[in-house]
């Protein structure tokens, strides 16, 4: 049985659905990049990071070289996408899309870090019926 960290339980998280593992050729650069987006380092080793921003956890694994083809991505669903977008505009953001309402019922943006990891961050529009 999986147990959650106490701070996630305190935030009301019952079960994490998925935790993406992103690749990094420079762990220190990743710490700086994600720190500027509001993520905090929960655990760090010389080749692995666990980062958290509120109830969202992202893991980062060190690699000598990002393999080709490279297609690591994650979709993070939040309840306050505009606040997330504001946070992602701070600090390094070489590849940050505009935030927009999509025809599939989501308000979202995407961010690609220096190692090519793609984070899509979105919120269901209130006019859209939640899927079951």
N, C-alpha and C. Protein backbone atom coordinates (compact mmCIF):
# COMPACT_ATOMS: atom_id res chain seq x y z
N UNK A 1 0.83 -1.17 0.00
CA UNK A 1 0.00 0.00 0.00
C UNK A 1 0.88 1.24 0.00
N UNK A 2 0.51 2.21 -0.84
CA UNK A 2 1.29 3.44 -0.93
C UNK A 2 0.86 4.41 0.15
N UNK A 3 1.83 5.05 0.77
CA UNK A 3 1.52 6.09 1.74
C UNK A 3 2.01 7.41 1.19
N UNK A 4 1.27 8.46 1.47
CA UNK A 4 1.61 9.79 0.99
C UNK A 4 2.39 10.55 2.05
N UNK A 5 3.25 11.48 1.62
CA UNK A 5 3.93 12.34 2.60
C UNK A 5 2.91 13.12 3.41
N UNK A 6 3.20 13.32 4.68
CA UNK A 6 2.27 14.02 5.58
C UNK A 6 1.82 15.37 5.05
N UNK A 7 2.74 16.12 4.43
CA UNK A 7 2.37 17.45 3.95
C UNK A 7 1.36 17.39 2.80
N UNK A 8 1.35 16.32 2.03
CA UNK A 8 0.34 16.17 0.98
C UNK A 8 -1.01 15.81 1.59
N UNK A 9 -0.99 14.94 2.57
CA UNK A 9 -2.24 14.57 3.25
C UNK A 9 -2.83 15.81 3.90
N UNK A 10 -1.99 16.65 4.50
CA UNK A 10 -2.45 17.88 5.13
C UNK A 10 -3.06 18.84 4.11
N UNK A 11 -2.58 18.77 2.84
CA UNK A 11 -3.13 19.61 1.77
C UNK A 11 -4.40 19.03 1.16
N UNK A 12 -4.84 17.88 1.67
CA UNK A 12 -6.08 17.29 1.18
C UNK A 12 -5.92 16.34 0.02
N UNK A 13 -4.70 15.95 -0.32
CA UNK A 13 -4.49 15.02 -1.43
C UNK A 13 -4.76 13.60 -0.95
N UNK A 14 -5.61 12.90 -1.66
CA UNK A 14 -5.94 11.53 -1.27
C UNK A 14 -5.06 10.53 -2.01
N UNK A 15 -4.98 10.65 -3.33
CA UNK A 15 -4.20 9.71 -4.13
C UNK A 15 -3.57 10.46 -5.30
N UNK A 16 -2.25 10.42 -5.43
CA UNK A 16 -1.66 11.04 -6.62
C UNK A 16 -1.97 10.17 -7.84
N UNK A 17 -2.37 10.80 -8.93
CA UNK A 17 -2.72 10.05 -10.12
C UNK A 17 -1.49 9.64 -10.91
N UNK A 18 -0.51 10.52 -10.99
CA UNK A 18 0.73 10.23 -11.71
C UNK A 18 1.78 11.23 -11.29
N UNK A 19 3.02 10.79 -11.31
CA UNK A 19 4.13 11.69 -11.03
C UNK A 19 5.09 11.60 -12.21
N UNK A 20 5.20 12.67 -12.98
CA UNK A 20 6.11 12.62 -14.12
C UNK A 20 7.56 12.65 -13.66
N UNK A 21 8.42 11.98 -14.43
CA UNK A 21 9.86 12.02 -14.21
C UNK A 21 10.46 12.69 -15.45
N UNK A 22 11.02 13.88 -15.24
CA UNK A 22 11.63 14.65 -16.31
C UNK A 22 13.12 14.38 -16.35
N UNK A 23 13.74 14.61 -17.49
CA UNK A 23 15.18 14.41 -17.63
C UNK A 23 15.91 15.73 -17.55
N UNK A 24 17.13 15.70 -17.00
CA UNK A 24 17.94 16.92 -16.89
C UNK A 24 19.40 16.61 -17.14
N UNK A 25 20.04 17.46 -17.94
CA UNK A 25 21.49 17.34 -18.13
C UNK A 25 22.24 18.22 -17.14
N UNK A 26 21.51 19.01 -16.34
CA UNK A 26 22.13 19.90 -15.35
C UNK A 26 21.15 20.08 -14.19
N UNK A 27 21.32 19.27 -13.15
CA UNK A 27 20.40 19.27 -12.01
C UNK A 27 20.32 20.64 -11.35
N UNK A 28 21.45 21.32 -11.18
CA UNK A 28 21.43 22.64 -10.54
C UNK A 28 20.61 23.64 -11.36
N UNK A 29 20.75 23.58 -12.69
CA UNK A 29 19.96 24.46 -13.55
C UNK A 29 18.47 24.15 -13.40
N UNK A 30 18.13 22.88 -13.30
CA UNK A 30 16.73 22.48 -13.11
C UNK A 30 16.19 23.01 -11.79
N UNK A 31 17.00 22.94 -10.73
CA UNK A 31 16.57 23.49 -9.43
C UNK A 31 16.26 24.97 -9.59
N UNK A 32 17.14 25.72 -10.23
CA UNK A 32 16.94 27.16 -10.42
C UNK A 32 15.69 27.43 -11.26
N UNK A 33 15.53 26.69 -12.35
CA UNK A 33 14.39 26.90 -13.24
C UNK A 33 13.08 26.64 -12.52
N UNK A 34 12.95 25.48 -11.89
CA UNK A 34 11.69 25.12 -11.26
C UNK A 34 11.45 25.89 -9.96
N UNK A 35 12.52 26.29 -9.28
CA UNK A 35 12.37 27.15 -8.10
C UNK A 35 11.73 28.48 -8.52
N UNK A 36 12.15 29.00 -9.65
CA UNK A 36 11.58 30.28 -10.11
C UNK A 36 10.12 30.15 -10.49
N UNK A 37 9.63 28.93 -10.68
CA UNK A 37 8.23 28.68 -11.02
C UNK A 37 7.40 28.31 -9.80
N UNK A 38 8.02 28.37 -8.62
CA UNK A 38 7.28 28.11 -7.39
C UNK A 38 7.41 26.70 -6.85
N UNK A 39 8.25 25.86 -7.46
CA UNK A 39 8.48 24.51 -6.95
C UNK A 39 9.57 24.55 -5.89
N UNK A 40 9.44 23.73 -4.87
CA UNK A 40 10.46 23.61 -3.83
C UNK A 40 11.08 22.22 -3.91
N UNK A 41 12.35 22.14 -3.58
CA UNK A 41 13.03 20.85 -3.53
C UNK A 41 12.60 20.14 -2.26
N UNK A 42 12.03 18.95 -2.42
CA UNK A 42 11.62 18.14 -1.28
C UNK A 42 12.74 17.17 -0.91
N UNK A 43 13.35 16.57 -1.91
CA UNK A 43 14.48 15.67 -1.71
C UNK A 43 15.45 15.91 -2.87
N UNK A 44 16.73 15.80 -2.57
CA UNK A 44 17.74 15.96 -3.61
C UNK A 44 18.88 14.98 -3.38
N UNK A 45 19.32 14.39 -4.46
CA UNK A 45 20.52 13.57 -4.47
C UNK A 45 21.36 14.11 -5.63
N UNK A 46 22.54 13.59 -5.80
CA UNK A 46 23.39 14.14 -6.86
C UNK A 46 22.80 13.93 -8.25
N UNK A 47 21.90 12.97 -8.39
CA UNK A 47 21.36 12.68 -9.72
C UNK A 47 19.83 12.60 -9.77
N UNK A 48 19.16 13.06 -8.72
CA UNK A 48 17.70 12.93 -8.70
C UNK A 48 17.09 14.01 -7.80
N UNK A 49 16.00 14.59 -8.26
CA UNK A 49 15.29 15.61 -7.49
C UNK A 49 13.83 15.22 -7.33
N UNK A 50 13.26 15.58 -6.21
CA UNK A 50 11.82 15.54 -6.04
C UNK A 50 11.42 16.98 -5.74
N UNK A 51 10.58 17.53 -6.62
CA UNK A 51 10.14 18.91 -6.50
C UNK A 51 8.64 18.93 -6.24
N UNK A 52 8.19 19.95 -5.50
CA UNK A 52 6.76 20.04 -5.21
C UNK A 52 6.32 21.50 -5.23
N UNK A 53 5.17 21.70 -5.83
CA UNK A 53 4.48 23.00 -5.77
C UNK A 53 3.08 22.69 -5.32
N UNK A 54 2.77 23.03 -4.08
CA UNK A 54 1.51 22.65 -3.43
C UNK A 54 1.36 21.13 -3.53
N UNK A 55 0.28 20.63 -4.12
CA UNK A 55 0.05 19.19 -4.17
C UNK A 55 0.64 18.54 -5.43
N UNK A 56 1.31 19.31 -6.27
CA UNK A 56 1.87 18.77 -7.51
C UNK A 56 3.33 18.41 -7.29
N UNK A 57 3.66 17.16 -7.59
CA UNK A 57 5.02 16.68 -7.43
C UNK A 57 5.58 16.31 -8.79
N UNK A 58 6.83 16.69 -9.02
CA UNK A 58 7.55 16.38 -10.25
C UNK A 58 8.91 15.83 -9.84
N UNK A 59 9.33 14.76 -10.50
CA UNK A 59 10.66 14.20 -10.25
C UNK A 59 11.55 14.56 -11.43
N UNK A 60 12.84 14.76 -11.16
CA UNK A 60 13.81 15.09 -12.20
C UNK A 60 15.00 14.14 -12.05
N UNK A 61 15.34 13.47 -13.13
CA UNK A 61 16.43 12.51 -13.13
C UNK A 61 17.58 13.03 -14.00
N UNK A 62 18.78 12.95 -13.48
CA UNK A 62 19.96 13.42 -14.20
C UNK A 62 20.39 12.40 -15.25
N UNK A 63 20.70 12.91 -16.44
CA UNK A 63 21.24 12.08 -17.52
C UNK A 63 22.43 12.82 -18.12
N UNK A 64 23.39 12.06 -18.63
CA UNK A 64 24.55 12.70 -19.26
C UNK A 64 24.15 13.38 -20.55
N UNK A 65 23.19 12.77 -21.25
CA UNK A 65 22.74 13.30 -22.53
C UNK A 65 21.27 12.94 -22.69
N UNK A 66 20.49 13.88 -23.15
CA UNK A 66 19.07 13.61 -23.39
C UNK A 66 18.97 12.73 -24.63
N UNK A 67 18.32 11.57 -24.52
CA UNK A 67 18.25 10.66 -25.67
C UNK A 67 17.40 11.24 -26.80
N UNK A 68 17.68 10.82 -28.00
CA UNK A 68 16.89 11.20 -29.17
C UNK A 68 16.13 9.98 -29.65
N UNK A 69 14.90 10.06 -30.05
CA UNK A 69 14.09 11.26 -29.92
C UNK A 69 13.68 11.46 -28.46
N UNK A 70 13.48 12.70 -28.11
CA UNK A 70 13.14 13.05 -26.73
C UNK A 70 11.70 13.54 -26.69
N UNK A 71 10.89 12.89 -25.91
CA UNK A 71 9.49 13.31 -25.82
C UNK A 71 8.94 13.02 -24.43
N UNK A 72 9.51 13.69 -23.43
CA UNK A 72 9.01 13.56 -22.08
C UNK A 72 8.06 14.73 -21.82
N UNK A 73 6.83 14.39 -21.44
CA UNK A 73 5.87 15.45 -21.16
C UNK A 73 4.90 14.99 -20.09
N UNK A 74 4.23 15.98 -19.49
CA UNK A 74 3.22 15.69 -18.48
C UNK A 74 2.13 16.73 -18.59
N UNK A 75 0.90 16.32 -18.33
CA UNK A 75 -0.22 17.25 -18.25
C UNK A 75 -0.57 17.39 -16.78
N UNK A 76 -0.53 18.61 -16.27
CA UNK A 76 -0.83 18.88 -14.87
C UNK A 76 -2.14 19.65 -14.81
N UNK A 77 -3.15 19.05 -14.20
CA UNK A 77 -4.45 19.71 -14.07
C UNK A 77 -4.51 20.43 -12.73
N UNK A 78 -4.87 21.72 -12.78
CA UNK A 78 -4.93 22.55 -11.58
C UNK A 78 -6.28 23.26 -11.52
N UNK A 79 -6.55 23.90 -10.40
CA UNK A 79 -7.80 24.65 -10.23
C UNK A 79 -7.59 26.15 -10.38
N UNK A 80 -6.33 26.57 -10.58
CA UNK A 80 -6.00 27.99 -10.64
C UNK A 80 -4.92 28.25 -11.70
N UNK A 81 -5.24 27.92 -12.94
CA UNK A 81 -4.25 27.96 -14.02
C UNK A 81 -3.69 29.36 -14.25
N UNK A 82 -4.49 30.40 -14.05
CA UNK A 82 -3.97 31.75 -14.26
C UNK A 82 -2.87 32.10 -13.25
N UNK A 83 -3.01 31.63 -12.01
CA UNK A 83 -1.98 31.85 -11.00
C UNK A 83 -0.72 31.06 -11.37
N UNK A 84 -0.89 29.84 -11.85
CA UNK A 84 0.26 29.04 -12.30
C UNK A 84 0.97 29.74 -13.45
N UNK A 85 0.19 30.28 -14.39
CA UNK A 85 0.80 30.97 -15.53
C UNK A 85 1.61 32.18 -15.06
N UNK A 86 1.08 32.93 -14.12
CA UNK A 86 1.82 34.07 -13.58
C UNK A 86 3.14 33.62 -12.96
N UNK A 87 3.11 32.52 -12.24
CA UNK A 87 4.34 31.99 -11.62
C UNK A 87 5.34 31.54 -12.68
N UNK A 88 4.86 30.94 -13.76
CA UNK A 88 5.75 30.43 -14.79
C UNK A 88 6.35 31.56 -15.64
N UNK A 89 5.78 32.73 -15.58
CA UNK A 89 6.34 33.88 -16.31
C UNK A 89 7.55 34.46 -15.58
N UNK A 90 7.77 34.06 -14.32
CA UNK A 90 8.90 34.54 -13.52
C UNK A 90 10.11 33.66 -13.82
N UNK A 91 11.27 34.26 -13.94
CA UNK A 91 12.50 33.51 -14.15
C UNK A 91 12.63 32.96 -15.55
N UNK A 92 13.53 31.99 -15.73
CA UNK A 92 13.79 31.45 -17.06
C UNK A 92 12.52 30.85 -17.68
N UNK A 93 12.21 31.31 -18.86
CA UNK A 93 11.04 30.78 -19.59
C UNK A 93 11.27 31.00 -21.07
N UNK A 94 12.25 30.31 -21.60
CA UNK A 94 12.56 30.47 -23.01
C UNK A 94 11.42 30.05 -23.91
N UNK A 95 10.70 29.02 -23.48
CA UNK A 95 9.61 28.49 -24.30
C UNK A 95 8.35 28.35 -23.45
N UNK A 96 7.66 29.46 -23.32
CA UNK A 96 6.41 29.51 -22.56
C UNK A 96 5.33 30.00 -23.51
N UNK A 97 4.28 29.21 -23.68
CA UNK A 97 3.19 29.61 -24.57
C UNK A 97 2.32 30.66 -23.89
N UNK A 98 1.46 31.25 -24.66
CA UNK A 98 0.42 32.10 -24.09
C UNK A 98 -0.62 31.20 -23.45
N UNK A 99 -1.33 31.70 -22.48
CA UNK A 99 -2.43 30.95 -21.89
C UNK A 99 -3.67 31.20 -22.75
N UNK A 100 -4.46 30.15 -22.98
CA UNK A 100 -5.65 30.34 -23.81
C UNK A 100 -6.70 29.26 -23.52
N UNK A 101 -7.93 29.59 -23.87
CA UNK A 101 -9.04 28.65 -23.74
C UNK A 101 -9.05 27.77 -24.99
N UNK A 102 -9.10 26.46 -24.80
CA UNK A 102 -9.04 25.51 -25.90
C UNK A 102 -10.44 24.98 -26.22
N UNK A 103 -10.66 24.57 -27.47
CA UNK A 103 -11.98 24.06 -27.85
C UNK A 103 -12.37 22.77 -27.13
N UNK A 104 -11.42 22.08 -26.52
CA UNK A 104 -11.72 20.85 -25.79
C UNK A 104 -12.07 21.11 -24.33
N UNK A 105 -12.32 22.39 -23.99
CA UNK A 105 -12.84 22.71 -22.67
C UNK A 105 -11.82 22.97 -21.59
N UNK A 106 -10.58 23.26 -21.99
CA UNK A 106 -9.54 23.53 -21.01
C UNK A 106 -8.96 24.91 -21.24
N UNK A 107 -8.55 25.57 -20.17
CA UNK A 107 -7.75 26.79 -20.23
C UNK A 107 -6.36 26.33 -19.87
N UNK A 108 -5.37 26.53 -20.77
CA UNK A 108 -4.07 25.93 -20.54
C UNK A 108 -2.93 26.70 -21.19
N UNK A 109 -1.72 26.34 -20.76
CA UNK A 109 -0.48 26.84 -21.37
C UNK A 109 0.53 25.71 -21.30
N UNK A 110 1.62 25.87 -22.03
CA UNK A 110 2.69 24.88 -21.92
C UNK A 110 4.04 25.55 -21.75
N UNK A 111 4.92 24.81 -21.12
CA UNK A 111 6.27 25.27 -20.80
C UNK A 111 7.24 24.16 -21.21
N UNK A 112 8.31 24.53 -21.91
CA UNK A 112 9.36 23.58 -22.26
C UNK A 112 10.64 24.07 -21.58
N UNK A 113 11.24 23.20 -20.76
CA UNK A 113 12.45 23.62 -20.05
C UNK A 113 13.68 23.45 -20.95
N UNK A 114 14.86 23.76 -20.42
CA UNK A 114 16.09 23.73 -21.21
C UNK A 114 16.48 22.34 -21.68
N UNK A 115 15.92 21.29 -21.08
CA UNK A 115 16.22 19.93 -21.51
C UNK A 115 15.14 19.36 -22.43
N UNK A 116 14.16 20.19 -22.80
CA UNK A 116 13.12 19.76 -23.73
C UNK A 116 11.94 19.07 -23.08
N UNK A 117 11.84 19.10 -21.75
CA UNK A 117 10.69 18.52 -21.06
C UNK A 117 9.50 19.46 -21.22
N UNK A 118 8.36 18.89 -21.57
CA UNK A 118 7.14 19.67 -21.80
C UNK A 118 6.17 19.48 -20.65
N UNK A 119 5.76 20.60 -20.05
CA UNK A 119 4.69 20.58 -19.05
C UNK A 119 3.51 21.33 -19.63
N UNK A 120 2.38 20.65 -19.77
CA UNK A 120 1.12 21.29 -20.13
C UNK A 120 0.37 21.47 -18.82
N UNK A 121 -0.09 22.69 -18.57
CA UNK A 121 -0.78 22.97 -17.31
C UNK A 121 -2.13 23.56 -17.66
N UNK A 122 -3.20 22.93 -17.15
CA UNK A 122 -4.52 23.37 -17.55
C UNK A 122 -5.57 23.23 -16.47
N UNK A 123 -6.67 23.91 -16.73
CA UNK A 123 -7.82 23.92 -15.83
C UNK A 123 -9.08 23.76 -16.69
N UNK A 124 -10.00 22.93 -16.22
CA UNK A 124 -11.24 22.75 -16.95
C UNK A 124 -12.05 24.04 -16.90
N UNK A 125 -12.57 24.44 -18.06
CA UNK A 125 -13.40 25.65 -18.12
C UNK A 125 -14.73 25.40 -17.42
N UNK A 126 -15.26 26.40 -16.72
CA UNK A 126 -16.51 26.21 -15.98
C UNK A 126 -17.70 25.91 -16.90
N UNK A 127 -17.61 26.30 -18.15
CA UNK A 127 -18.70 26.04 -19.10
C UNK A 127 -18.68 24.61 -19.63
N UNK A 128 -17.63 23.86 -19.29
CA UNK A 128 -17.50 22.49 -19.79
C UNK A 128 -17.95 21.50 -18.72
N UNK A 129 -18.63 20.49 -19.11
CA UNK A 129 -19.06 19.46 -18.16
C UNK A 129 -17.90 18.52 -17.90
N UNK A 130 -17.62 18.28 -16.63
CA UNK A 130 -16.52 17.36 -16.28
C UNK A 130 -16.83 15.96 -16.80
N UNK A 131 -15.79 15.32 -17.31
CA UNK A 131 -16.00 13.95 -17.76
C UNK A 131 -16.09 13.03 -16.55
N UNK A 132 -16.69 11.88 -16.76
CA UNK A 132 -16.87 10.93 -15.65
C UNK A 132 -15.97 9.75 -15.80
